[in-house]
Each structure stands twice: as C-alpha cells, then as structure tokens.
Amino acid sequence: MRSTTVTLPETDNIKTKTKSSVFIERVDDYIELIKPRLVVMILITTAAGYYLGTQGTMNWLMFLHTLIGSGLTAAGVLGLNQYLERDIDSHMKRTQERPIPAGRIFPMQALLFCTILTAGGMLYLTFIVNPLSGFVISLIVVSYLFIYTPLKRKTSLCTLIGAFPGALPPVVGWVAAQGRLTGQAWVLFAILFLWQIPHSLAIAYIYREDYANAGLKLLPVIHPNGNSTRRQIVLNCLALFGIGLLPTMFSIAGGFYFIAALLIGGMFLVSGIYLQKTHSLKAARYVLYASLIHLPLLFIAMVIDKI
C-alpha cells in the first residue's frame, strides 16, 4: 500500500507533463503553419509603407491596428497556401515535414483556422482602419491563393504573377495611413515587385530538383541548364538597382537613402552577376542571402531618412 501511494502521484505528474507537452507541440505546429518569419518580413514592409505614407503626426493607434489586420491576414494566407499545396509539399524534401504533410495538423483543421485568420484580418482592416486598406489586402488574398498558387503547376510565369500580391504589403500600409492611392505607393510596389523575382528564382534554382519532383513548372525546372534563370536574376537585380533610387525622386526619401540604395542595390546586383559567372549553388545561396538582407535594409534606410 505504501508503494501505491508513492507511485500514483508520479503517474499523475507524468500524465500532466505528457498533456502539457502535447499542447505545446500542437501550438508549435500551428505557429509553424503560419510561417512567422515571413509574416514578420511582410509586417516590416507594411509598417514602412504606413510610416512613409504618414503626413504630419504619426497615428500610433491606427498604425497598430494596421499591423494587427495585416498580420492576421498574412498568417492566414500563408497557412491556406500550405493547405492548398499539401500534396506538393509531401513530395518535396524541404517541405514534407511541414505540419500538414507530416500529419501533425489535419487539413480541415488548417483550413478552418487559417480561414478565420484571413477573414478576420481582412474585416479588421476594412472596418477598423479603412475600406481601401481592406480592399488592397483582399487583392493579395485572391491573387496569391487563387491565381499564383494553381499557376505554379502550369507555367513559369507564376513567378512574375506571384510577385504582384507579394508587392502589395507596403501599399496596404500607405493607404492605411493616407486613405488613398498615390504614385509614391506604386514606387514602393515596384521595388518589392522587382525584388521578389530574383529572390524567388534563387530559391527555385537551389531546390529545382525538389520542385521538378513535385511537378511545379518553375523556370529552373523548365530550363534545367539554368541559363534563363540566371539571366532573369541579373536583369531584375539591375532593374531593381535603378527603381530602388526612385524614392528620392518622388520625395519619399532623401540623400541618405539615395546613397544607401546605391550600396544595397549594388550588393544585390553583384551577387546576381556572381551567379551568372559561376553557375554554382553556392552563388545562388548568396543571391538568396543578399535578397533577405537587401529588402529590410532598403526600407529601414527610407524610414531613417524620413526621421
């Protein structure tokens, strides 16, 4: 009897720990589903768009509302994308351990959870911030999920088309601050649009065998020698180098930003040229790393210049 009274509490503790660890693992799975690092990147450009679009005193409460609505929508859309591509993800080494293909989250659970996030974010922006910001973010949802995602199986133009929704977050921030679309907002759009092409192509270049096994029609899969991919990376880095200077001409930023954009854009362009010369996966990874550094630095430079 004495041994029984000693072991029962230990068994209860084990059960309690097991339940709590399962709960934590489930929360981690849902966090992984919404891709928090990518959400943060989206919110950085949205925040920059709001700040740059602010005229006069910054409305910090509305700024926070904009980030909440944008963050909810971004998280939901990224999760819904994984729901739609769950069969593709199961065939690729880099994605087969994601929560849905790995069986840690059931597809219908992911669909319900991410639909609530997406709809909630869109409604939040529409009614708490302004209708125009809700409309712009709805364009992201529709074009990303229902145009870009299915086209990945059909044409290499999906990269170009996918750059459209990916370039809209700073526009969401801009119209949230001003309540209207202006030419300056489209300059921010153009920068992000051009940035995404070498960024996406570098990823596709690195994982082209994975993408081929999954049946995706991306440029490095259609042209396995990589010539067209490398050429597109360099051309778009070059175009981005020029377009990246436009914020100074459109009075979004000043001289400090202009110099910073020359250096940052030059770094990205050099990485693309290096890939063109070497054809190596190592060089493609340099392009990817350079793209991840380029975007936040460019928008941070704009914000600092305005301060």
Protein backbone atom coordinates (compact mmCIF):
# COMPACT_ATOMS: atom_id res chain seq x y z
CA MET A 1 0.00 0.00 0.00
CA ARG A 2 2.82 2.35 0.80
CA SER A 3 4.37 1.81 -2.65
CA THR A 4 0.99 2.51 -4.25
CA THR A 5 0.59 5.86 -2.55
CA VAL A 6 4.06 6.84 -3.67
CA THR A 7 3.74 5.87 -7.35
CA LEU A 8 0.28 7.29 -8.08
CA PRO A 9 1.28 10.97 -7.79
CA GLU A 10 4.30 10.24 -10.02
CA THR A 11 2.00 8.68 -12.62
CA ASP A 12 -0.29 11.71 -12.45
CA ASN A 13 2.71 14.00 -12.94
CA ILE A 14 3.78 12.02 -15.97
CA LYS A 15 0.28 12.28 -17.43
CA THR A 16 0.18 16.01 -16.72
CA LYS A 17 3.55 16.54 -18.34
CA THR A 18 2.50 14.49 -21.36
CA LYS A 19 -0.67 16.52 -21.84
CA SER A 20 1.18 19.79 -21.47
CA SER A 21 3.95 18.73 -23.87
CA VAL A 22 1.35 17.63 -26.44
CA PHE A 23 -0.37 21.01 -26.12
CA ILE A 24 2.92 22.87 -26.56
CA GLU A 25 3.80 20.76 -29.60
CA ARG A 26 0.38 21.47 -31.11
CA VAL A 27 0.82 25.21 -30.56
CA ASP A 28 4.27 24.99 -32.17
CA ASP A 29 2.74 23.23 -35.17
CA TYR A 30 0.18 25.99 -35.67
CA ILE A 31 2.88 28.63 -35.31
CA GLU A 32 4.95 26.82 -37.94
CA LEU A 33 1.87 26.66 -40.19
CA ILE A 34 1.56 30.45 -40.36
CA LYS A 35 5.29 31.00 -41.13
CA PRO A 36 6.06 33.67 -38.51
CA ARG A 37 9.38 34.76 -40.05
CA LEU A 38 7.71 35.52 -43.35
CA VAL A 39 4.87 37.30 -41.52
CA VAL A 40 7.46 39.49 -39.80
CA MET A 41 9.04 40.34 -43.17
CA ILE A 42 5.60 41.30 -44.54
CA LEU A 43 4.87 43.44 -41.49
CA ILE A 44 8.20 45.26 -41.85
CA THR A 45 7.27 46.43 -45.35
CA THR A 46 3.70 47.20 -44.26
CA ALA A 47 4.97 49.25 -41.31
CA ALA A 48 7.41 51.09 -43.56
CA GLY A 49 4.61 51.86 -46.02
CA TYR A 50 2.45 53.26 -43.22
CA TYR A 51 5.24 55.39 -41.78
CA LEU A 52 6.34 56.72 -45.16
CA GLY A 53 2.73 57.49 -46.08
CA THR A 54 2.05 59.38 -42.86
CA GLN A 55 1.60 63.12 -43.28
CA GLY A 56 2.06 65.11 -40.12
CA THR A 57 1.78 63.41 -36.74
CA MET A 58 2.00 59.63 -36.63
CA ASN A 59 -1.23 57.93 -35.51
CA TRP A 60 0.31 55.12 -33.47
CA LEU A 61 -3.01 53.50 -32.58
CA MET A 62 -4.03 53.23 -36.23
CA PHE A 63 -0.52 52.02 -37.03
CA LEU A 64 -1.02 49.19 -34.52
CA HIS A 65 -4.44 48.36 -35.98
CA THR A 66 -2.87 48.17 -39.44
CA LEU A 67 -0.23 45.72 -38.27
CA ILE A 68 -2.79 43.56 -36.47
CA GLY A 69 -5.06 43.31 -39.51
CA SER A 70 -2.17 42.76 -41.90
CA GLY A 71 -0.53 40.21 -39.63
CA LEU A 72 -3.70 38.16 -39.22
CA THR A 73 -4.32 38.16 -42.98
CA ALA A 74 -0.71 37.30 -43.84
CA ALA A 75 -0.63 34.43 -41.34
CA GLY A 76 -3.92 33.06 -42.64
CA VAL A 77 -2.96 33.29 -46.31
CA LEU A 78 0.40 31.59 -45.75
CA GLY A 79 -1.35 28.77 -43.91
CA LEU A 80 -4.04 28.44 -46.59
CA ASN A 81 -1.30 28.22 -49.20
CA GLN A 82 0.10 25.20 -47.35
CA TYR A 83 -3.38 23.69 -47.23
CA LEU A 84 -3.76 24.07 -50.99
CA GLU A 85 -0.27 22.71 -51.66
CA ARG A 86 -0.26 19.90 -49.11
CA ASP A 87 0.11 17.23 -51.81
CA ILE A 88 3.00 19.14 -53.40
CA ASP A 89 4.70 19.64 -50.05
CA SER A 90 4.55 15.90 -49.36
CA HIS A 91 6.73 15.26 -52.44
CA MET A 92 9.49 17.76 -51.59
CA LYS A 93 12.23 17.14 -49.05
CA ARG A 94 12.32 20.76 -47.92
CA THR A 95 8.58 20.84 -47.16
CA GLN A 96 7.48 17.29 -46.34
CA GLU A 97 7.99 17.90 -42.60
CA ARG A 98 5.58 20.82 -42.55
CA PRO A 99 2.63 20.28 -40.17
CA ILE A 100 0.03 19.21 -42.77
CA PRO A 101 2.03 16.76 -44.94
CA ALA A 102 3.69 15.37 -41.81
CA GLY A 103 0.23 14.65 -40.35
CA ARG A 104 0.61 16.84 -37.26
CA ILE A 105 -2.32 19.04 -38.32
CA PHE A 106 -5.31 17.68 -40.22
CA PRO A 107 -6.11 19.56 -43.46
CA MET A 108 -9.60 20.60 -42.34
CA GLN A 109 -8.20 21.95 -39.07
CA ALA A 110 -5.69 24.05 -41.01
CA LEU A 111 -8.39 25.21 -43.43
CA LEU A 112 -10.72 26.34 -40.64
CA PHE A 113 -8.02 28.01 -38.55
CA CYS A 114 -6.41 29.88 -41.45
CA THR A 115 -9.74 30.90 -42.99
CA ILE A 116 -10.71 32.52 -39.67
CA LEU A 117 -7.36 34.35 -39.54
CA THR A 118 -7.63 35.55 -43.13
CA ALA A 119 -11.24 36.69 -42.94
CA GLY A 120 -10.66 38.26 -39.54
CA GLY A 121 -7.67 40.24 -40.80
CA MET A 122 -9.48 41.49 -43.89
CA LEU A 123 -12.53 42.57 -41.89
CA TYR A 124 -10.33 44.17 -39.24
CA LEU A 125 -8.58 46.36 -41.81
CA THR A 126 -11.83 47.21 -43.58
CA PHE A 127 -13.80 48.31 -40.52
CA ILE A 128 -11.11 49.40 -38.05
CA VAL A 129 -8.59 51.05 -40.41
CA ASN A 130 -10.29 51.98 -43.71
CA PRO A 131 -12.09 50.20 -46.59
CA LEU A 132 -9.28 50.87 -49.08
CA SER A 133 -6.71 49.00 -46.99
CA GLY A 134 -9.18 46.11 -46.72
CA PHE A 135 -9.66 46.14 -50.49
CA VAL A 136 -5.93 46.13 -51.22
CA ILE A 137 -5.29 43.24 -48.86
CA SER A 138 -8.18 41.33 -50.43
CA LEU A 139 -6.31 41.60 -53.73
CA ILE A 140 -3.38 39.88 -52.04
CA VAL A 141 -5.60 37.05 -50.79
CA VAL A 142 -7.34 36.42 -54.11
CA SER A 143 -4.30 36.73 -56.39
CA TYR A 144 -1.99 34.70 -54.14
CA LEU A 145 -4.32 31.81 -53.36
CA PHE A 146 -6.45 31.54 -56.50
CA ILE A 147 -4.13 32.73 -59.28
CA TYR A 148 -0.49 32.34 -58.27
CA THR A 149 -0.80 29.04 -56.36
CA PRO A 150 -2.54 26.99 -59.09
CA LEU A 151 -0.37 28.51 -61.84
CA LYS A 152 2.76 27.04 -60.23
CA ARG A 153 1.75 23.72 -61.79
CA LYS A 154 1.11 25.19 -65.22
CA THR A 155 3.54 27.94 -66.23
CA SER A 156 6.83 29.55 -65.30
CA LEU A 157 5.03 32.91 -65.48
CA CYS A 158 3.76 32.10 -61.99
CA THR A 159 6.87 33.78 -60.55
CA LEU A 160 6.00 37.04 -62.29
CA ILE A 161 2.33 36.78 -61.34
CA GLY A 162 3.17 35.85 -57.76
CA ALA A 163 5.25 39.00 -57.42
CA PHE A 164 2.03 41.05 -57.65
CA PRO A 165 0.45 40.03 -54.31
CA GLY A 166 3.88 39.95 -52.71
CA ALA A 167 4.48 43.59 -53.63
CA LEU A 168 1.27 44.94 -52.10
CA PRO A 169 2.03 44.98 -48.31
CA PRO A 170 3.70 48.44 -48.36
CA VAL A 171 0.73 49.68 -50.40
CA VAL A 172 -1.57 48.40 -47.64
CA GLY A 173 0.46 50.42 -45.14
CA TRP A 174 0.43 53.51 -47.36
CA VAL A 175 -3.34 53.54 -47.95
CA ALA A 176 -3.94 52.77 -44.27
CA ALA A 177 -2.09 55.98 -43.44
CA GLN A 178 -3.43 58.22 -46.22
CA GLY A 179 -6.71 56.63 -47.23
CA ARG A 180 -5.81 57.00 -50.91
CA LEU A 181 -3.50 55.57 -53.56
CA THR A 182 -0.76 57.79 -54.96
CA GLY A 183 2.17 57.43 -57.34
CA GLN A 184 4.50 57.13 -54.35
CA ALA A 185 2.71 54.00 -53.20
CA TRP A 186 3.29 52.44 -56.62
CA VAL A 187 7.02 53.20 -56.34
CA LEU A 188 7.12 51.08 -53.19
CA PHE A 189 5.12 48.44 -55.03
CA ALA A 190 7.61 48.43 -57.94
CA ILE A 191 10.57 47.95 -55.60
CA LEU A 192 9.01 44.96 -53.89
CA PHE A 193 7.76 43.53 -57.20
CA LEU A 194 11.23 43.52 -58.76
CA TRP A 195 12.87 42.27 -55.57
CA GLN A 196 10.71 39.16 -55.45
CA ILE A 197 11.74 37.82 -58.85
CA PRO A 198 15.46 37.21 -58.15
CA HIS A 199 14.57 36.16 -54.60
CA SER A 200 12.07 33.54 -55.79
CA LEU A 201 14.21 32.37 -58.70
CA ALA A 202 17.20 31.87 -56.41
CA ILE A 203 15.12 29.58 -54.20
CA ALA A 204 13.82 27.70 -57.24
CA TYR A 205 17.38 27.39 -58.61
CA ILE A 206 18.61 25.86 -55.34
CA TYR A 207 15.70 23.44 -54.99
CA ARG A 208 14.93 22.79 -58.66
CA GLU A 209 15.12 19.00 -58.27
CA ASP A 210 12.61 19.14 -55.43
CA TYR A 211 10.30 21.35 -57.49
CA ALA A 212 10.64 19.05 -60.50
CA ASN A 213 9.68 16.02 -58.40
CA ALA A 214 6.58 17.88 -57.24
CA GLY A 215 5.58 18.76 -60.82
CA LEU A 216 5.96 22.52 -60.48
CA LYS A 217 6.59 24.43 -63.72
CA LEU A 218 9.11 26.96 -62.45
CA LEU A 219 11.78 28.42 -64.71
CA PRO A 220 14.73 26.33 -63.40
CA VAL A 221 12.60 23.20 -63.86
CA ILE A 222 11.56 24.00 -67.43
CA HIS A 223 15.12 25.04 -68.35
CA PRO A 224 17.35 22.81 -66.17
CA ASN A 225 20.62 24.26 -67.52
CA GLY A 226 19.82 27.41 -65.57
CA ASN A 227 20.78 29.91 -68.27
CA SER A 228 17.40 31.63 -68.44
CA THR A 229 17.09 31.67 -64.64
CA ARG A 230 20.48 33.28 -64.13
CA ARG A 231 19.77 35.82 -66.86
CA GLN A 232 16.43 36.78 -65.30
CA ILE A 233 18.06 37.15 -61.89
CA VAL A 234 20.68 39.55 -63.22
CA LEU A 235 18.19 41.56 -65.31
CA ASN A 236 15.79 42.00 -62.42
CA CYS A 237 18.58 42.87 -59.98
CA LEU A 238 19.69 45.51 -62.48
CA ALA A 239 16.15 46.85 -62.86
CA LEU A 240 15.75 46.89 -59.09
CA PHE A 241 19.02 48.80 -58.76
CA GLY A 242 17.51 51.61 -60.89
CA ILE A 243 13.97 51.52 -59.50
CA GLY A 244 15.37 51.48 -55.98
CA LEU A 245 16.57 55.06 -56.50
CA LEU A 246 13.09 56.40 -57.34
CA PRO A 247 12.01 57.13 -53.74
CA THR A 248 14.41 60.09 -53.77
CA MET A 249 12.88 61.44 -56.99
CA PHE A 250 9.33 61.01 -55.65
CA SER A 251 10.17 62.75 -52.35
CA ILE A 252 9.64 59.60 -50.32
CA ALA A 253 13.24 59.74 -49.12
CA GLY A 254 16.29 61.97 -49.50
CA GLY A 255 20.03 61.93 -50.00
CA PHE A 256 20.90 59.46 -47.24
CA TYR A 257 18.55 56.90 -48.73
CA PHE A 258 19.92 57.51 -52.24
CA ILE A 259 23.46 56.62 -51.15
CA ALA A 260 22.23 53.65 -49.11
CA ALA A 261 20.18 52.38 -52.07
CA LEU A 262 23.23 52.55 -54.32
CA LEU A 263 25.23 50.41 -51.91
CA ILE A 264 22.45 47.97 -51.03
CA GLY A 265 21.25 47.58 -54.62
CA GLY A 266 24.84 47.22 -55.82
CA MET A 267 25.43 44.39 -53.36
CA PHE A 268 22.37 42.54 -54.63
CA LEU A 269 23.39 43.06 -58.26
CA VAL A 270 26.91 41.79 -57.62
CA SER A 271 25.51 38.59 -56.11
CA GLY A 272 23.45 38.04 -59.27
CA ILE A 273 26.45 38.64 -61.53
CA TYR A 274 28.49 36.23 -59.43
CA LEU A 275 25.84 33.54 -60.00
CA GLN A 276 25.88 34.27 -63.73
CA LYS A 277 29.63 33.72 -63.83
CA THR A 278 29.95 30.68 -61.55
CA HIS A 279 26.65 28.80 -62.11
CA SER A 280 27.06 27.31 -58.64
CA LEU A 281 24.51 26.51 -55.94
CA LYS A 282 26.76 28.36 -53.52
CA ALA A 283 26.38 31.51 -55.61
CA ALA A 284 22.60 31.00 -55.75
CA ARG A 285 22.57 30.88 -51.95
CA TYR A 286 24.50 34.18 -51.94
CA VAL A 287 21.72 35.69 -54.07
CA LEU A 288 19.13 34.39 -51.62
CA TYR A 289 21.01 35.75 -48.60
CA ALA A 290 21.60 39.07 -50.35
CA SER A 291 17.88 39.36 -51.10
CA LEU A 292 16.98 38.74 -47.44
CA ILE A 293 19.39 41.49 -46.40
CA HIS A 294 18.50 43.87 -49.22
CA LEU A 295 14.80 44.37 -48.57
CA PRO A 296 14.79 45.26 -44.85
CA LEU A 297 17.88 47.43 -45.24
CA LEU A 298 16.31 49.37 -48.08
CA PHE A 299 13.10 50.10 -46.17
CA ILE A 300 14.99 50.87 -42.97
CA ALA A 301 17.06 53.40 -44.93
CA MET A 302 13.85 55.06 -46.15
CA VAL A 303 12.47 55.28 -42.62
CA ILE A 304 15.74 56.64 -41.19
CA ASP A 305 15.90 59.25 -43.94
CA LYS A 306 12.39 60.47 -43.12
CA ILE A 307 13.25 60.71 -39.42
